[in-house]
Amino acid sequence: MRSKASNLGKRMNAQKPAILRFLSDARVPFDNNQAERDIRMTKVKHKISGCFRTEQGAKQFARLRSVISTLMKQGKPILDSLTYALRYRTSLVEC
């Protein structure tokens, strides 16, 4: 039975091209933790202001960040999309 470190080294060696793909393809992020990147803005906001003033404000912030993150992933123009949503009262702005 091999050690955990040995097994990890063997898997990394076998998957080396996939693990290092970010070096040759700029579309591939350095890490694969989209959930952490999505929540980072909320943590920054919390650090700066100390807290959200209301639970509703925190929920609205989270919903807006979720919409912005989705727009970014889909390559859509963020400001134009949000302006359209607010102008035409789509379900994006219902809180």
PDB file of N, CA and C in Angstrom:
ATOM      1  N   MET A   1       0.841  -1.187   0.000  1.00  0.00           N
ATOM      2  CA  MET A   1       0.000   0.000   0.000  1.00  0.00           C
ATOM      3  C   MET A   1       0.884   1.248   0.000  1.00  0.00           C
ATOM      4  N   ARG A   2       0.613   2.144  -0.907  1.00  0.00           N
ATOM      5  CA  ARG A   2       1.405   3.363  -1.009  1.00  0.00           C
ATOM      6  C   ARG A   2       0.863   4.439  -0.074  1.00  0.00           C
ATOM      7  N   SER A   3       1.705   5.411   0.216  1.00  0.00           N
ATOM      8  CA  SER A   3       1.267   6.521   1.060  1.00  0.00           C
ATOM      9  C   SER A   3       0.375   7.465   0.256  1.00  0.00           C
ATOM     10  N   LYS A   4      -0.337   8.332   0.966  1.00  0.00           N
ATOM     11  CA  LYS A   4      -1.198   9.309   0.304  1.00  0.00           C
ATOM     12  C   LYS A   4      -0.373  10.222  -0.601  1.00  0.00           C
ATOM     13  N   ALA A   5       0.806  10.611  -0.149  1.00  0.00           N
ATOM     14  CA  ALA A   5       1.667  11.491  -0.943  1.00  0.00           C
ATOM     15  C   ALA A   5       2.120  10.790  -2.218  1.00  0.00           C
ATOM     16  N   SER A   6       2.439   9.527  -2.108  1.00  0.00           N
ATOM     17  CA  SER A   6       2.860   8.763  -3.279  1.00  0.00           C
ATOM     18  C   SER A   6       1.731   8.630  -4.293  1.00  0.00           C
ATOM     19  N   ASN A   7       0.533   8.344  -3.799  1.00  0.00           N
ATOM     20  CA  ASN A   7      -0.640   8.237  -4.684  1.00  0.00           C
ATOM     21  C   ASN A   7      -0.930   9.571  -5.362  1.00  0.00           C
ATOM     22  N   LEU A   8      -0.816  10.663  -4.613  1.00  0.00           N
ATOM     23  CA  LEU A   8      -1.046  11.993  -5.182  1.00  0.00           C
ATOM     24  C   LEU A   8      -0.006  12.287  -6.261  1.00  0.00           C
ATOM     25  N   GLY A   9       1.256  12.001  -5.985  1.00  0.00           N
ATOM     26  CA  GLY A   9       2.312  12.219  -6.969  1.00  0.00           C
ATOM     27  C   GLY A   9       2.078  11.417  -8.239  1.00  0.00           C
ATOM     28  N   LYS A  10       1.642  10.193  -8.078  1.00  0.00           N
ATOM     29  CA  LYS A  10       1.378   9.343  -9.244  1.00  0.00           C
ATOM     30  C   LYS A  10       0.222   9.901 -10.078  1.00  0.00           C
ATOM     31  N   ARG A  11      -0.857  10.336  -9.417  1.00  0.00           N
ATOM     32  CA  ARG A  11      -2.001  10.915 -10.139  1.00  0.00           C
ATOM     33  C   ARG A  11      -1.611  12.225 -10.820  1.00  0.00           C
ATOM     34  N   MET A  12      -0.818  13.053 -10.138  1.00  0.00           N
ATOM     35  CA  MET A  12      -0.407  14.329 -10.728  1.00  0.00           C
ATOM     36  C   MET A  12       0.477  14.098 -11.947  1.00  0.00           C
ATOM     37  N   ASN A  13       1.341  13.123 -11.875  1.00  0.00           N
ATOM     38  CA  ASN A  13       2.207  12.810 -13.008  1.00  0.00           C
ATOM     39  C   ASN A  13       1.380  12.323 -14.196  1.00  0.00           C
ATOM     40  N   ALA A  14       0.380  11.514 -13.927  1.00  0.00           N
ATOM     41  CA  ALA A  14      -0.467  10.985 -14.993  1.00  0.00           C
ATOM     42  C   ALA A  14      -1.346  12.074 -15.611  1.00  0.00           C
ATOM     43  N   GLN A  15      -1.724  13.067 -14.824  1.00  0.00           N
ATOM     44  CA  GLN A  15      -2.624  14.129 -15.280  1.00  0.00           C
ATOM     45  C   GLN A  15      -1.898  15.454 -15.534  1.00  0.00           C
ATOM     46  N   LYS A  16      -0.590  15.406 -15.677  1.00  0.00           N
ATOM     47  CA  LYS A  16       0.226  16.614 -15.803  1.00  0.00           C
ATOM     48  C   LYS A  16      -0.265  17.585 -16.887  1.00  0.00           C
ATOM     49  N   PRO A  17      -0.575  17.118 -18.101  1.00  0.00           N
ATOM     50  CA  PRO A  17      -1.052  18.068 -19.126  1.00  0.00           C
ATOM     51  C   PRO A  17      -2.325  18.816 -18.703  1.00  0.00           C
ATOM     52  N   ALA A  18      -3.253  18.127 -18.084  1.00  0.00           N
ATOM     53  CA  ALA A  18      -4.495  18.770 -17.649  1.00  0.00           C
ATOM     54  C   ALA A  18      -4.241  19.720 -16.488  1.00  0.00           C
ATOM     55  N   ILE A  19      -3.382  19.330 -15.563  1.00  0.00           N
ATOM     56  CA  ILE A  19      -3.095  20.158 -14.393  1.00  0.00           C
ATOM     57  C   ILE A  19      -2.406  21.457 -14.793  1.00  0.00           C
ATOM     58  N   LEU A  20      -1.530  21.397 -15.777  1.00  0.00           N
ATOM     59  CA  LEU A  20      -0.762  22.579 -16.182  1.00  0.00           C
ATOM     60  C   LEU A  20      -1.349  23.295 -17.402  1.00  0.00           C
ATOM     61  N   ARG A  21      -2.545  22.940 -17.795  1.00  0.00           N
ATOM     62  CA  ARG A  21      -3.156  23.544 -18.980  1.00  0.00           C
ATOM     63  C   ARG A  21      -3.272  25.063 -18.862  1.00  0.00           C
ATOM     64  N   PHE A  22      -3.462  25.579 -17.653  1.00  0.00           N
ATOM     65  CA  PHE A  22      -3.601  27.023 -17.470  1.00  0.00           C
ATOM     66  C   PHE A  22      -2.360  27.791 -17.930  1.00  0.00           C
ATOM     67  N   LEU A  23      -1.208  27.123 -18.012  1.00  0.00           N
ATOM     68  CA  LEU A  23       0.017  27.794 -18.460  1.00  0.00           C
ATOM     69  C   LEU A  23      -0.003  28.094 -19.953  1.00  0.00           C
ATOM     70  N   SER A  24      -0.688  27.269 -20.731  1.00  0.00           N
ATOM     71  CA  SER A  24      -0.687  27.459 -22.176  1.00  0.00           C
ATOM     72  C   SER A  24      -2.017  27.954 -22.731  1.00  0.00           C
ATOM     73  N   ASP A  25      -3.073  27.933 -21.927  1.00  0.00           N
ATOM     74  CA  ASP A  25      -4.398  28.362 -22.383  1.00  0.00           C
ATOM     75  C   ASP A  25      -4.953  29.378 -21.395  1.00  0.00           C
ATOM     76  N   ALA A  26      -4.998  30.644 -21.798  1.00  0.00           N
ATOM     77  CA  ALA A  26      -5.429  31.721 -20.899  1.00  0.00           C
ATOM     78  C   ALA A  26      -6.895  31.599 -20.489  1.00  0.00           C
ATOM     79  N   ARG A  27      -7.680  30.819 -21.203  1.00  0.00           N
ATOM     80  CA  ARG A  27      -9.096  30.648 -20.847  1.00  0.00           C
ATOM     81  C   ARG A  27      -9.274  29.756 -19.624  1.00  0.00           C
ATOM     82  N   VAL A  28      -8.256  28.999 -19.272  1.00  0.00           N
ATOM     83  CA  VAL A  28      -8.341  28.072 -18.143  1.00  0.00           C
ATOM     84  C   VAL A  28      -7.862  28.784 -16.886  1.00  0.00           C
ATOM     85  N   PRO A  29      -8.706  28.866 -15.848  1.00  0.00           N
ATOM     86  CA  PRO A  29      -8.286  29.542 -14.618  1.00  0.00           C
ATOM     87  C   PRO A  29      -7.205  28.745 -13.882  1.00  0.00           C
ATOM     88  N   PHE A  30      -6.423  29.448 -13.074  1.00  0.00           N
ATOM     89  CA  PHE A  30      -5.354  28.814 -12.306  1.00  0.00           C
ATOM     90  C   PHE A  30      -5.922  27.751 -11.372  1.00  0.00           C
ATOM     91  N   ASP A  31      -7.050  28.053 -10.769  1.00  0.00           N
ATOM     92  CA  ASP A  31      -7.689  27.066  -9.900  1.00  0.00           C
ATOM     93  C   ASP A  31      -9.043  26.698 -10.496  1.00  0.00           C
ATOM     94  N   ASN A  32      -9.677  25.740  -9.895  1.00  0.00           N
ATOM     95  CA  ASN A  32     -10.963  25.275 -10.412  1.00  0.00           C
ATOM     96  C   ASN A  32     -12.035  25.465  -9.353  1.00  0.00           C
ATOM     97  N   ASN A  33     -11.946  26.575  -8.652  1.00  0.00           N
ATOM     98  CA  ASN A  33     -12.870  26.775  -7.551  1.00  0.00           C
ATOM     99  C   ASN A  33     -13.774  27.967  -7.828  1.00  0.00           C
ATOM    100  N   GLN A  34     -14.721  27.797  -8.723  1.00  0.00           N
ATOM    101  CA  GLN A  34     -15.624  28.880  -9.101  1.00  0.00           C
ATOM    102  C   GLN A  34     -16.465  29.331  -7.912  1.00  0.00           C
ATOM    103  N   ALA A  35     -16.871  28.419  -7.061  1.00  0.00           N
ATOM    104  CA  ALA A  35     -17.693  28.788  -5.905  1.00  0.00           C
ATOM    105  C   ALA A  35     -16.942  29.753  -4.998  1.00  0.00           C
ATOM    106  N   GLU A  36     -15.655  29.518  -4.797  1.00  0.00           N
ATOM    107  CA  GLU A  36     -14.861  30.424  -3.965  1.00  0.00           C
ATOM    108  C   GLU A  36     -14.755  31.797  -4.605  1.00  0.00           C
ATOM    109  N   ARG A  37     -14.553  31.845  -5.915  1.00  0.00           N
ATOM    110  CA  ARG A  37     -14.466  33.143  -6.597  1.00  0.00           C
ATOM    111  C   ARG A  37     -15.800  33.877  -6.529  1.00  0.00           C
ATOM    112  N   ASP A  38     -16.901  33.143  -6.621  1.00  0.00           N
ATOM    113  CA  ASP A  38     -18.214  33.773  -6.574  1.00  0.00           C
ATOM    114  C   ASP A  38     -18.523  34.374  -5.209  1.00  0.00           C
ATOM    115  N   ILE A  39     -18.071  33.752  -4.150  1.00  0.00           N
ATOM    116  CA  ILE A  39     -18.375  34.251  -2.809  1.00  0.00           C
ATOM    117  C   ILE A  39     -17.367  35.299  -2.326  1.00  0.00           C
ATOM    118  N   ARG A  40     -16.235  35.417  -3.001  1.00  0.00           N
ATOM    119  CA  ARG A  40     -15.184  36.329  -2.558  1.00  0.00           C
ATOM    120  C   ARG A  40     -15.673  37.768  -2.396  1.00  0.00           C
ATOM    121  N   MET A  41     -16.476  38.259  -3.342  1.00  0.00           N
ATOM    122  CA  MET A  41     -16.958  39.638  -3.276  1.00  0.00           C
ATOM    123  C   MET A  41     -17.792  39.872  -2.021  1.00  0.00           C
ATOM    124  N   THR A  42     -18.582  38.890  -1.640  1.00  0.00           N
ATOM    125  CA  THR A  42     -19.384  39.011  -0.429  1.00  0.00           C
ATOM    126  C   THR A  42     -18.488  39.128   0.794  1.00  0.00           C
ATOM    127  N   LYS A  43     -17.422  38.339   0.832  1.00  0.00           N
ATOM    128  CA  LYS A  43     -16.498  38.406   1.964  1.00  0.00           C
ATOM    129  C   LYS A  43     -15.780  39.754   2.004  1.00  0.00           C
ATOM    130  N   VAL A  44     -15.413  40.300   0.857  1.00  0.00           N
ATOM    131  CA  VAL A  44     -14.769  41.612   0.806  1.00  0.00           C
ATOM    132  C   VAL A  44     -15.726  42.675   1.323  1.00  0.00           C
ATOM    133  N   LYS A  45     -16.962  42.635   0.871  1.00  0.00           N
ATOM    134  CA  LYS A  45     -17.978  43.594   1.329  1.00  0.00           C
ATOM    135  C   LYS A  45     -18.147  43.489   2.837  1.00  0.00           C
ATOM    136  N   HIS A  46     -18.170  42.279   3.349  1.00  0.00           N
ATOM    137  CA  HIS A  46     -18.331  42.068   4.788  1.00  0.00           C
ATOM    138  C   HIS A  46     -17.139  42.633   5.558  1.00  0.00           C
ATOM    139  N   LYS A  47     -15.931  42.443   5.037  1.00  0.00           N
ATOM    140  CA  LYS A  47     -14.734  42.967   5.700  1.00  0.00           C
ATOM    141  C   LYS A  47     -14.727  44.488   5.727  1.00  0.00           C
ATOM    142  N   ILE A  48     -15.133  45.115   4.628  1.00  0.00           N
ATOM    143  CA  ILE A  48     -15.089  46.573   4.529  1.00  0.00           C
ATOM    144  C   ILE A  48     -16.111  47.225   5.440  1.00  0.00           C
ATOM    145  N   SER A  49     -17.341  46.777   5.372  1.00  0.00           N
ATOM    146  CA  SER A  49     -18.396  47.438   6.138  1.00  0.00           C
ATOM    147  C   SER A  49     -18.656  46.785   7.488  1.00  0.00           C
ATOM    148  N   GLY A  50     -18.119  45.603   7.717  1.00  0.00           N
ATOM    149  CA  GLY A  50     -18.328  44.919   8.988  1.00  0.00           C
ATOM    150  C   GLY A  50     -19.535  44.003   8.971  1.00  0.00           C
ATOM    151  N   CYS A  51     -20.568  44.406   8.260  1.00  0.00           N
ATOM    152  CA  CYS A  51     -21.762  43.572   8.152  1.00  0.00           C
ATOM    153  C   CYS A  51     -22.738  44.218   7.183  1.00  0.00           C
ATOM    154  N   PHE A  52     -23.782  43.494   6.864  1.00  0.00           N
ATOM    155  CA  PHE A  52     -24.873  44.072   6.103  1.00  0.00           C
ATOM    156  C   PHE A  52     -25.854  44.667   7.106  1.00  0.00           C
ATOM    157  N   ARG A  53     -26.498  45.742   6.741  1.00  0.00           N
ATOM    158  CA  ARG A  53     -27.406  46.404   7.688  1.00  0.00           C
ATOM    159  C   ARG A  53     -28.665  45.584   7.949  1.00  0.00           C
ATOM    160  N   THR A  54     -29.150  44.912   6.927  1.00  0.00           N
ATOM    161  CA  THR A  54     -30.352  44.089   7.097  1.00  0.00           C
ATOM    162  C   THR A  54     -30.154  42.758   6.386  1.00  0.00           C
ATOM    163  N   GLU A  55     -30.954  41.793   6.773  1.00  0.00           N
ATOM    164  CA  GLU A  55     -30.915  40.497   6.095  1.00  0.00           C
ATOM    165  C   GLU A  55     -31.386  40.651   4.650  1.00  0.00           C
ATOM    166  N   GLN A  56     -32.379  41.516   4.438  1.00  0.00           N
ATOM    167  CA  GLN A  56     -32.870  41.755   3.082  1.00  0.00           C
ATOM    168  C   GLN A  56     -31.761  42.358   2.217  1.00  0.00           C
ATOM    169  N   GLY A  57     -30.977  43.286   2.776  1.00  0.00           N
ATOM    170  CA  GLY A  57     -29.862  43.874   2.034  1.00  0.00           C
ATOM    171  C   GLY A  57     -28.831  42.823   1.645  1.00  0.00           C
ATOM    172  N   ALA A  58     -28.551  41.897   2.546  1.00  0.00           N
ATOM    173  CA  ALA A  58     -27.600  40.821   2.256  1.00  0.00           C
ATOM    174  C   ALA A  58     -28.135  39.921   1.140  1.00  0.00           C
ATOM    175  N   LYS A  59     -29.426  39.624   1.184  1.00  0.00           N
ATOM    176  CA  LYS A  59     -30.031  38.787   0.145  1.00  0.00           C
ATOM    177  C   LYS A  59     -30.018  39.490  -1.206  1.00  0.00           C
ATOM    178  N   GLN A  60     -30.310  40.781  -1.215  1.00  0.00           N
ATOM    179  CA  GLN A  60     -30.289  41.532  -2.470  1.00  0.00           C
ATOM    180  C   GLN A  60     -28.877  41.596  -3.041  1.00  0.00           C
ATOM    181  N   PHE A  61     -27.893  41.803  -2.178  1.00  0.00           N
ATOM    182  CA  PHE A  61     -26.501  41.835  -2.621  1.00  0.00           C
ATOM    183  C   PHE A  61     -26.113  40.489  -3.232  1.00  0.00           C
ATOM    184  N   ALA A  62     -26.482  39.396  -2.554  1.00  0.00           N
ATOM    185  CA  ALA A  62     -26.151  38.059  -3.050  1.00  0.00           C
ATOM    186  C   ALA A  62     -26.829  37.790  -4.390  1.00  0.00           C
ATOM    187  N   ARG A  63     -28.075  38.204  -4.529  1.00  0.00           N
ATOM    188  CA  ARG A  63     -28.788  37.982  -5.789  1.00  0.00           C
ATOM    189  C   ARG A  63     -28.140  38.778  -6.921  1.00  0.00           C
ATOM    190  N   LEU A  64     -27.790  40.024  -6.652  1.00  0.00           N
ATOM    191  CA  LEU A  64     -27.159  40.855  -7.672  1.00  0.00           C
ATOM    192  C   LEU A  64     -25.802  40.297  -8.072  1.00  0.00           C
ATOM    193  N   ARG A  65     -25.005  39.852  -7.109  1.00  0.00           N
ATOM    194  CA  ARG A  65     -23.704  39.254  -7.413  1.00  0.00           C
ATOM    195  C   ARG A  65     -23.876  37.981  -8.229  1.00  0.00           C
ATOM    196  N   SER A  66     -24.911  37.212  -7.931  1.00  0.00           N
ATOM    197  CA  SER A  66     -25.180  35.991  -8.679  1.00  0.00           C
ATOM    198  C   SER A  66     -25.505  36.310 -10.133  1.00  0.00           C
ATOM    199  N   VAL A  67     -26.331  37.340 -10.342  1.00  0.00           N
ATOM    200  CA  VAL A  67     -26.695  37.740 -11.704  1.00  0.00           C
ATOM    201  C   VAL A  67     -25.451  38.230 -12.442  1.00  0.00           C
ATOM    202  N   ILE A  68     -24.640  39.058 -11.795  1.00  0.00           N
ATOM    203  CA  ILE A  68     -23.428  39.584 -12.430  1.00  0.00           C
ATOM    204  C   ILE A  68     -22.465  38.447 -12.773  1.00  0.00           C
ATOM    205  N   SER A  69     -22.301  37.508 -11.863  1.00  0.00           N
ATOM    206  CA  SER A  69     -21.424  36.368 -12.115  1.00  0.00           C
ATOM    207  C   SER A  69     -21.909  35.555 -13.317  1.00  0.00           C
ATOM    208  N   THR A  70     -23.217  35.338 -13.395  1.00  0.00           N
ATOM    209  CA  THR A  70     -23.776  34.589 -14.515  1.00  0.00           C
ATOM    210  C   THR A  70     -23.573  35.339 -15.830  1.00  0.00           C
ATOM    211  N   LEU A  71     -23.799  36.647 -15.807  1.00  0.00           N
ATOM    212  CA  LEU A  71     -23.588  37.444 -17.015  1.00  0.00           C
ATOM    213  C   LEU A  71     -22.128  37.366 -17.468  1.00  0.00           C
ATOM    214  N   MET A  72     -21.205  37.423 -16.520  1.00  0.00           N
ATOM    215  CA  MET A  72     -19.783  37.340 -16.856  1.00  0.00           C
ATOM    216  C   MET A  72     -19.451  35.980 -17.474  1.00  0.00           C
ATOM    217  N   LYS A  73     -19.973  34.908 -16.888  1.00  0.00           N
ATOM    218  CA  LYS A  73     -19.714  33.565 -17.398  1.00  0.00           C
ATOM    219  C   LYS A  73     -20.267  33.388 -18.815  1.00  0.00           C
ATOM    220  N   GLN A  74     -21.358  34.080 -19.100  1.00  0.00           N
ATOM    221  CA  GLN A  74     -21.973  33.968 -20.422  1.00  0.00           C
ATOM    222  C   GLN A  74     -21.413  34.982 -21.414  1.00  0.00           C
ATOM    223  N   GLY A  75     -20.490  35.821 -20.956  1.00  0.00           N
ATOM    224  CA  GLY A  75     -19.872  36.810 -21.829  1.00  0.00           C
ATOM    225  C   GLY A  75     -20.815  37.929 -22.236  1.00  0.00           C
ATOM    226  N   LYS A  76     -21.819  38.209 -21.428  1.00  0.00           N
ATOM    227  CA  LYS A  76     -22.791  39.263 -21.727  1.00  0.00           C
ATOM    228  C   LYS A  76     -22.296  40.596 -21.159  1.00  0.00           C
ATOM    229  N   PRO A  77     -22.710  41.706 -21.769  1.00  0.00           N
ATOM    230  CA  PRO A  77     -22.339  43.021 -21.229  1.00  0.00           C
ATOM    231  C   PRO A  77     -23.099  43.283 -19.920  1.00  0.00           C
ATOM    232  N   ILE A  78     -22.384  43.466 -18.839  1.00  0.00           N
ATOM    233  CA  ILE A  78     -23.001  43.538 -17.511  1.00  0.00           C
ATOM    234  C   ILE A  78     -23.887  44.777 -17.365  1.00  0.00           C
ATOM    235  N   LEU A  79     -23.327  45.953 -17.604  1.00  0.00           N
ATOM    236  CA  LEU A  79     -24.096  47.179 -17.399  1.00  0.00           C
ATOM    237  C   LEU A  79     -25.317  47.238 -18.317  1.00  0.00           C
ATOM    238  N   ASP A  80     -25.144  46.903 -19.580  1.00  0.00           N
ATOM    239  CA  ASP A  80     -26.273  46.913 -20.515  1.00  0.00           C
ATOM    240  C   ASP A  80     -27.352  45.918 -20.088  1.00  0.00           C
ATOM    241  N   SER A  81     -26.944  44.749 -19.639  1.00  0.00           N
ATOM    242  CA  SER A  81     -27.913  43.728 -19.222  1.00  0.00           C
ATOM    243  C   SER A  81     -28.669  44.160 -17.983  1.00  0.00           C
ATOM    244  N   LEU A  82     -27.966  44.743 -17.011  1.00  0.00           N
ATOM    245  CA  LEU A  82     -28.637  45.206 -15.787  1.00  0.00           C
ATOM    246  C   LEU A  82     -29.561  46.376 -16.100  1.00  0.00           C
ATOM    247  N   THR A  83     -29.117  47.279 -16.968  1.00  0.00           N
ATOM    248  CA  THR A  83     -29.957  48.410 -17.365  1.00  0.00           C
ATOM    249  C   THR A  83     -31.228  47.911 -18.031  1.00  0.00           C
ATOM    250  N   TYR A  84     -31.095  46.948 -18.922  1.00  0.00           N
ATOM    251  CA  TYR A  84     -32.256  46.366 -19.594  1.00  0.00           C
ATOM    252  C   TYR A  84     -33.204  45.736 -18.571  1.00  0.00           C
ATOM    253  N   ALA A  85     -32.643  45.000 -17.626  1.00  0.00           N
ATOM    254  CA  ALA A  85     -33.472  44.334 -16.617  1.00  0.00           C
ATOM    255  C   ALA A  85     -34.244  45.350 -15.788  1.00  0.00           C
ATOM    256  N   LEU A  86     -33.583  46.421 -15.402  1.00  0.00           N
ATOM    257  CA  LEU A  86     -34.258  47.435 -14.598  1.00  0.00           C
ATOM    258  C   LEU A  86     -35.279  48.221 -15.422  1.00  0.00           C
ATOM    259  N   ARG A  87     -34.949  48.497 -16.652  1.00  0.00           N
ATOM    260  CA  ARG A  87     -35.849  49.271 -17.507  1.00  0.00           C
ATOM    261  C   ARG A  87     -37.131  48.494 -17.805  1.00  0.00           C
ATOM    262  N   TYR A  88     -37.012  47.211 -18.068  1.00  0.00           N
ATOM    263  CA  TYR A  88     -38.172  46.428 -18.472  1.00  0.00           C
ATOM    264  C   TYR A  88     -38.714  45.536 -17.359  1.00  0.00           C
ATOM    265  N   ARG A  89     -38.198  45.723 -16.169  1.00  0.00           N
ATOM    266  CA  ARG A  89     -38.723  45.026 -14.981  1.00  0.00           C
ATOM    267  C   ARG A  89     -38.841  43.522 -15.162  1.00  0.00           C
ATOM    268  N   THR A  90     -37.741  42.902 -15.589  1.00  0.00           N
ATOM    269  CA  THR A  90     -37.761  41.443 -15.725  1.00  0.00           C
ATOM    270  C   THR A  90     -37.621  40.819 -14.353  1.00  0.00           C
ATOM    271  N   SER A  91     -37.664  39.520 -14.312  1.00  0.00           N
ATOM    272  CA  SER A  91     -37.594  38.808 -13.039  1.00  0.00           C
ATOM    273  C   SER A  91     -36.261  38.985 -12.341  1.00  0.00           C
ATOM    274  N   LEU A  92     -35.259  39.533 -13.000  1.00  0.00           N
ATOM    275  CA  LEU A  92     -33.951  39.723 -12.379  1.00  0.00           C
ATOM    276  C   LEU A  92     -34.024  40.668 -11.183  1.00  0.00           C
ATOM    277  N   VAL A  93     -34.919  41.635 -11.226  1.00  0.00           N
ATOM    278  CA  VAL A  93     -34.935  42.658 -10.180  1.00  0.00           C
ATOM    279  C   VAL A  93     -35.956  42.371  -9.088  1.00  0.00           C
ATOM    280  N   GLU A  94     -36.732  41.323  -9.210  1.00  0.00           N
ATOM    281  CA  GLU A  94     -37.686  40.986  -8.161  1.00  0.00           C
ATOM    282  C   GLU A  94     -36.949  40.407  -6.984  1.00  0.00           C
ATOM    283  N   CYS A  95     -37.127  40.975  -5.827  1.00  0.00           N
ATOM    284  CA  CYS A  95     -36.416  40.497  -4.631  1.00  0.00           C
ATOM    285  C   CYS A  95     -37.351  40.058  -3.558  1.00  0.00           C
TER     286      CYS A  95
END
